[in-house]
Amino acid sequence: MLEQPQAEPPDHAAPARPPVDELTAYRRETERRLILGGVALLFLVGGGLVLWLYDLGALAGAWLCLGAMALPVAAVIGAVWLFDWLGRERHPR
């Protein structure tokens, strides 16, 4: 009986997928950068437009309102993070 030669994988084979931990870390870092960029864009561009259209007093008021809006948002995000962390502690994967 004749032996069939072993087929070698092509050079353009897909690379091995990175471990899930690396992908999770990449996702977290990307989300963090997007959120910080959005907040910076809101404060800088929004503040710049308020300053351009009105005056320095209006800019101070706008930043005060944006900061006051950030407190409940940060509280909700913190609560979700806390519940996620507590869930992972009780039920590890």
N, C-alpha and C. Protein backbone atom coordinates (compact mmCIF):
# COMPACT_ATOMS: atom_id res chain seq x y z
N MET A 1 0.83 -1.16 0.00
CA MET A 1 0.00 0.00 0.00
C MET A 1 0.89 1.24 0.00
N LEU A 2 0.53 2.23 -0.81
CA LEU A 2 1.32 3.44 -0.92
C LEU A 2 0.94 4.43 0.17
N GLU A 3 1.95 5.09 0.73
CA GLU A 3 1.68 6.11 1.74
C GLU A 3 1.41 7.45 1.07
N GLN A 4 0.42 8.13 1.59
CA GLN A 4 0.12 9.47 1.09
C GLN A 4 1.06 10.46 1.75
N PRO A 5 1.63 11.39 0.98
CA PRO A 5 2.50 12.39 1.61
C PRO A 5 1.69 13.33 2.49
N GLN A 6 2.30 13.74 3.58
CA GLN A 6 1.63 14.66 4.50
C GLN A 6 1.55 16.03 3.85
N ALA A 7 0.37 16.62 3.89
CA ALA A 7 0.18 17.96 3.33
C ALA A 7 0.65 18.99 4.34
N GLU A 8 1.50 19.91 3.90
CA GLU A 8 1.98 20.96 4.79
C GLU A 8 0.99 22.12 4.77
N PRO A 9 0.83 22.78 5.91
CA PRO A 9 -0.10 23.91 5.93
C PRO A 9 0.45 25.04 5.05
N PRO A 10 -0.45 25.77 4.40
CA PRO A 10 0.03 26.86 3.54
C PRO A 10 0.67 27.96 4.37
N ASP A 11 1.51 28.75 3.72
CA ASP A 11 2.22 29.83 4.41
C ASP A 11 1.25 30.91 4.89
N HIS A 12 0.12 31.05 4.25
CA HIS A 12 -0.83 32.09 4.60
C HIS A 12 -1.89 31.62 5.61
N ALA A 13 -1.55 30.58 6.37
CA ALA A 13 -2.48 30.07 7.37
C ALA A 13 -2.75 31.15 8.42
N ALA A 14 -3.95 31.13 8.97
CA ALA A 14 -4.34 32.12 9.98
C ALA A 14 -3.47 31.94 11.23
N PRO A 15 -3.02 33.04 11.81
CA PRO A 15 -2.21 32.92 13.03
C PRO A 15 -3.06 32.40 14.18
N ALA A 16 -2.39 31.86 15.15
CA ALA A 16 -3.10 31.36 16.34
C ALA A 16 -3.76 32.51 17.06
N ARG A 17 -4.95 32.27 17.58
CA ARG A 17 -5.67 33.32 18.31
C ARG A 17 -4.99 33.59 19.63
N PRO A 18 -4.95 34.87 20.04
CA PRO A 18 -4.36 35.17 21.35
C PRO A 18 -5.25 34.64 22.47
N PRO A 19 -4.69 34.42 23.64
CA PRO A 19 -5.50 33.93 24.76
C PRO A 19 -6.61 34.92 25.11
N VAL A 20 -7.65 34.40 25.73
CA VAL A 20 -8.81 35.21 26.08
C VAL A 20 -8.42 36.33 27.04
N ASP A 21 -7.49 36.08 27.94
CA ASP A 21 -7.07 37.12 28.89
C ASP A 21 -6.52 38.34 28.18
N GLU A 22 -5.75 38.12 27.11
CA GLU A 22 -5.20 39.24 26.37
C GLU A 22 -6.30 40.03 25.68
N LEU A 23 -7.29 39.33 25.13
CA LEU A 23 -8.40 40.01 24.47
C LEU A 23 -9.24 40.80 25.46
N THR A 24 -9.44 40.26 26.65
CA THR A 24 -10.20 40.96 27.68
C THR A 24 -9.45 42.21 28.13
N ALA A 25 -8.17 42.10 28.31
CA ALA A 25 -7.37 43.26 28.71
C ALA A 25 -7.39 44.32 27.60
N TYR A 26 -7.32 43.89 26.35
CA TYR A 26 -7.36 44.82 25.23
C TYR A 26 -8.71 45.52 25.17
N ARG A 27 -9.80 44.78 25.41
CA ARG A 27 -11.14 45.37 25.40
C ARG A 27 -11.28 46.40 26.51
N ARG A 28 -10.80 46.06 27.70
CA ARG A 28 -10.89 47.00 28.83
C ARG A 28 -10.11 48.28 28.56
N GLU A 29 -8.90 48.12 28.04
CA GLU A 29 -8.07 49.29 27.75
C GLU A 29 -8.70 50.15 26.66
N THR A 30 -9.27 49.52 25.64
CA THR A 30 -9.92 50.27 24.58
C THR A 30 -11.14 51.01 25.10
N GLU A 31 -11.95 50.35 25.92
CA GLU A 31 -13.12 51.01 26.49
C GLU A 31 -12.71 52.20 27.36
N ARG A 32 -11.67 52.02 28.16
CA ARG A 32 -11.20 53.10 29.02
C ARG A 32 -10.74 54.29 28.19
N ARG A 33 -10.00 54.03 27.14
CA ARG A 33 -9.52 55.12 26.27
C ARG A 33 -10.68 55.83 25.58
N LEU A 34 -11.67 55.08 25.11
CA LEU A 34 -12.82 55.70 24.44
C LEU A 34 -13.61 56.58 25.40
N ILE A 35 -13.81 56.11 26.63
CA ILE A 35 -14.56 56.89 27.61
C ILE A 35 -13.81 58.16 27.97
N LEU A 36 -12.51 58.03 28.25
CA LEU A 36 -11.72 59.21 28.60
C LEU A 36 -11.65 60.19 27.43
N GLY A 37 -11.53 59.70 26.22
CA GLY A 37 -11.52 60.57 25.05
C GLY A 37 -12.84 61.29 24.87
N GLY A 38 -13.94 60.58 25.11
CA GLY A 38 -15.26 61.21 25.00
C GLY A 38 -15.46 62.30 26.04
N VAL A 39 -15.03 62.04 27.26
CA VAL A 39 -15.16 63.04 28.32
C VAL A 39 -14.28 64.26 28.02
N ALA A 40 -13.05 63.99 27.58
CA ALA A 40 -12.15 65.11 27.23
C ALA A 40 -12.73 65.91 26.07
N LEU A 41 -13.28 65.23 25.08
CA LEU A 41 -13.90 65.93 23.95
C LEU A 41 -15.08 66.77 24.41
N LEU A 42 -15.90 66.23 25.30
CA LEU A 42 -17.05 66.97 25.81
C LEU A 42 -16.61 68.23 26.55
N PHE A 43 -15.63 68.09 27.44
CA PHE A 43 -15.19 69.24 28.23
C PHE A 43 -14.43 70.26 27.38
N LEU A 44 -13.52 69.80 26.53
CA LEU A 44 -12.69 70.73 25.79
C LEU A 44 -13.42 71.38 24.62
N VAL A 45 -14.06 70.56 23.78
CA VAL A 45 -14.75 71.13 22.63
C VAL A 45 -16.02 71.86 23.08
N GLY A 46 -16.78 71.23 23.96
CA GLY A 46 -17.98 71.90 24.47
C GLY A 46 -17.64 73.16 25.23
N GLY A 47 -16.62 73.09 26.07
CA GLY A 47 -16.19 74.28 26.80
C GLY A 47 -15.64 75.35 25.88
N GLY A 48 -14.92 74.93 24.85
CA GLY A 48 -14.41 75.90 23.88
C GLY A 48 -15.52 76.61 23.14
N LEU A 49 -16.56 75.88 22.77
CA LEU A 49 -17.70 76.50 22.09
C LEU A 49 -18.44 77.46 23.01
N VAL A 50 -18.62 77.06 24.27
CA VAL A 50 -19.30 77.96 25.22
C VAL A 50 -18.46 79.22 25.41
N LEU A 51 -17.16 79.05 25.54
CA LEU A 51 -16.28 80.21 25.72
C LEU A 51 -16.30 81.12 24.48
N TRP A 52 -16.33 80.51 23.31
CA TRP A 52 -16.33 81.28 22.06
C TRP A 52 -17.64 82.04 21.89
N LEU A 53 -18.76 81.38 22.21
CA LEU A 53 -20.06 82.01 22.00
C LEU A 53 -20.46 82.95 23.14
N TYR A 54 -20.02 82.67 24.37
CA TYR A 54 -20.46 83.47 25.51
C TYR A 54 -19.25 84.12 26.17
N ASP A 55 -18.94 83.74 27.42
CA ASP A 55 -17.80 84.33 28.11
C ASP A 55 -17.27 83.34 29.15
N LEU A 56 -16.32 83.81 29.94
CA LEU A 56 -15.67 82.95 30.93
C LEU A 56 -16.63 82.50 32.03
N GLY A 57 -17.58 83.36 32.39
CA GLY A 57 -18.57 82.99 33.41
C GLY A 57 -19.45 81.84 32.94
N ALA A 58 -19.82 81.87 31.67
CA ALA A 58 -20.64 80.78 31.13
C ALA A 58 -19.84 79.48 31.07
N LEU A 59 -18.54 79.59 30.77
CA LEU A 59 -17.68 78.40 30.76
C LEU A 59 -17.61 77.77 32.14
N ALA A 60 -17.47 78.61 33.18
CA ALA A 60 -17.45 78.09 34.55
C ALA A 60 -18.77 77.40 34.89
N GLY A 61 -19.87 77.99 34.47
CA GLY A 61 -21.17 77.38 34.71
C GLY A 61 -21.33 76.07 33.96
N ALA A 62 -20.84 76.02 32.72
CA ALA A 62 -20.93 74.79 31.93
C ALA A 62 -20.12 73.67 32.57
N TRP A 63 -18.90 74.00 33.01
CA TRP A 63 -18.08 72.98 33.66
C TRP A 63 -18.69 72.54 34.98
N LEU A 64 -19.32 73.44 35.69
CA LEU A 64 -19.99 73.08 36.93
C LEU A 64 -21.14 72.10 36.65
N CYS A 65 -21.91 72.39 35.63
CA CYS A 65 -23.02 71.50 35.27
C CYS A 65 -22.52 70.14 34.78
N LEU A 66 -21.46 70.15 33.96
CA LEU A 66 -20.91 68.88 33.48
C LEU A 66 -20.33 68.07 34.64
N GLY A 67 -19.69 68.74 35.57
CA GLY A 67 -19.17 68.03 36.75
C GLY A 67 -20.27 67.47 37.62
N ALA A 68 -21.35 68.24 37.78
CA ALA A 68 -22.49 67.77 38.57
C ALA A 68 -23.17 66.59 37.88
N MET A 69 -23.18 66.59 36.55
CA MET A 69 -23.76 65.48 35.81
C MET A 69 -22.89 64.23 35.94
N ALA A 70 -21.60 64.42 36.09
CA ALA A 70 -20.68 63.29 36.17
C ALA A 70 -20.82 62.51 37.48
N LEU A 71 -21.28 63.16 38.54
CA LEU A 71 -21.38 62.47 39.84
C LEU A 71 -22.37 61.30 39.82
N PRO A 72 -23.63 61.48 39.38
CA PRO A 72 -24.52 60.31 39.36
C PRO A 72 -24.10 59.26 38.33
N VAL A 73 -23.51 59.71 37.23
CA VAL A 73 -23.02 58.74 36.24
C VAL A 73 -21.91 57.90 36.85
N ALA A 74 -20.98 58.54 37.55
CA ALA A 74 -19.89 57.81 38.20
C ALA A 74 -20.43 56.88 39.29
N ALA A 75 -21.46 57.30 40.00
CA ALA A 75 -22.05 56.45 41.03
C ALA A 75 -22.67 55.19 40.42
N VAL A 76 -23.37 55.32 39.32
CA VAL A 76 -23.98 54.16 38.66
C VAL A 76 -22.90 53.23 38.12
N ILE A 77 -21.89 53.80 37.47
CA ILE A 77 -20.80 52.97 36.93
C ILE A 77 -20.06 52.27 38.07
N GLY A 78 -19.84 52.98 39.17
CA GLY A 78 -19.19 52.36 40.32
C GLY A 78 -20.01 51.23 40.92
N ALA A 79 -21.33 51.41 40.99
CA ALA A 79 -22.19 50.35 41.52
C ALA A 79 -22.17 49.12 40.61
N VAL A 80 -22.23 49.34 39.31
CA VAL A 80 -22.18 48.21 38.36
C VAL A 80 -20.85 47.49 38.47
N TRP A 81 -19.75 48.25 38.57
CA TRP A 81 -18.43 47.63 38.72
C TRP A 81 -18.36 46.83 40.02
N LEU A 82 -18.90 47.38 41.11
CA LEU A 82 -18.88 46.68 42.39
C LEU A 82 -19.68 45.38 42.33
N PHE A 83 -20.87 45.41 41.73
CA PHE A 83 -21.68 44.20 41.62
C PHE A 83 -21.00 43.17 40.72
N ASP A 84 -20.35 43.62 39.67
CA ASP A 84 -19.62 42.70 38.80
C ASP A 84 -18.47 42.05 39.56
N TRP A 85 -17.73 42.85 40.33
CA TRP A 85 -16.62 42.33 41.10
C TRP A 85 -17.10 41.34 42.16
N LEU A 86 -18.19 41.67 42.87
CA LEU A 86 -18.72 40.77 43.87
C LEU A 86 -19.21 39.46 43.25
N GLY A 87 -19.81 39.56 42.07
CA GLY A 87 -20.26 38.34 41.38
C GLY A 87 -19.12 37.45 40.96
N ARG A 88 -18.02 38.06 40.52
CA ARG A 88 -16.85 37.25 40.12
C ARG A 88 -16.18 36.63 41.34
N GLU A 89 -16.23 37.32 42.48
CA GLU A 89 -15.63 36.75 43.70
C GLU A 89 -16.41 35.55 44.18
N ARG A 90 -17.73 35.62 44.10
CA ARG A 90 -18.56 34.51 44.59
C ARG A 90 -18.62 33.36 43.61
N HIS A 91 -18.61 33.66 42.33
CA HIS A 91 -18.75 32.61 41.30
C HIS A 91 -17.63 32.73 40.29
N PRO A 92 -16.42 32.28 40.63
CA PRO A 92 -15.32 32.39 39.65
C PRO A 92 -15.61 31.46 38.48
N ARG A 93 -15.07 31.83 37.34
CA ARG A 93 -15.31 31.04 36.12
C ARG A 93 -14.53 29.77 36.11
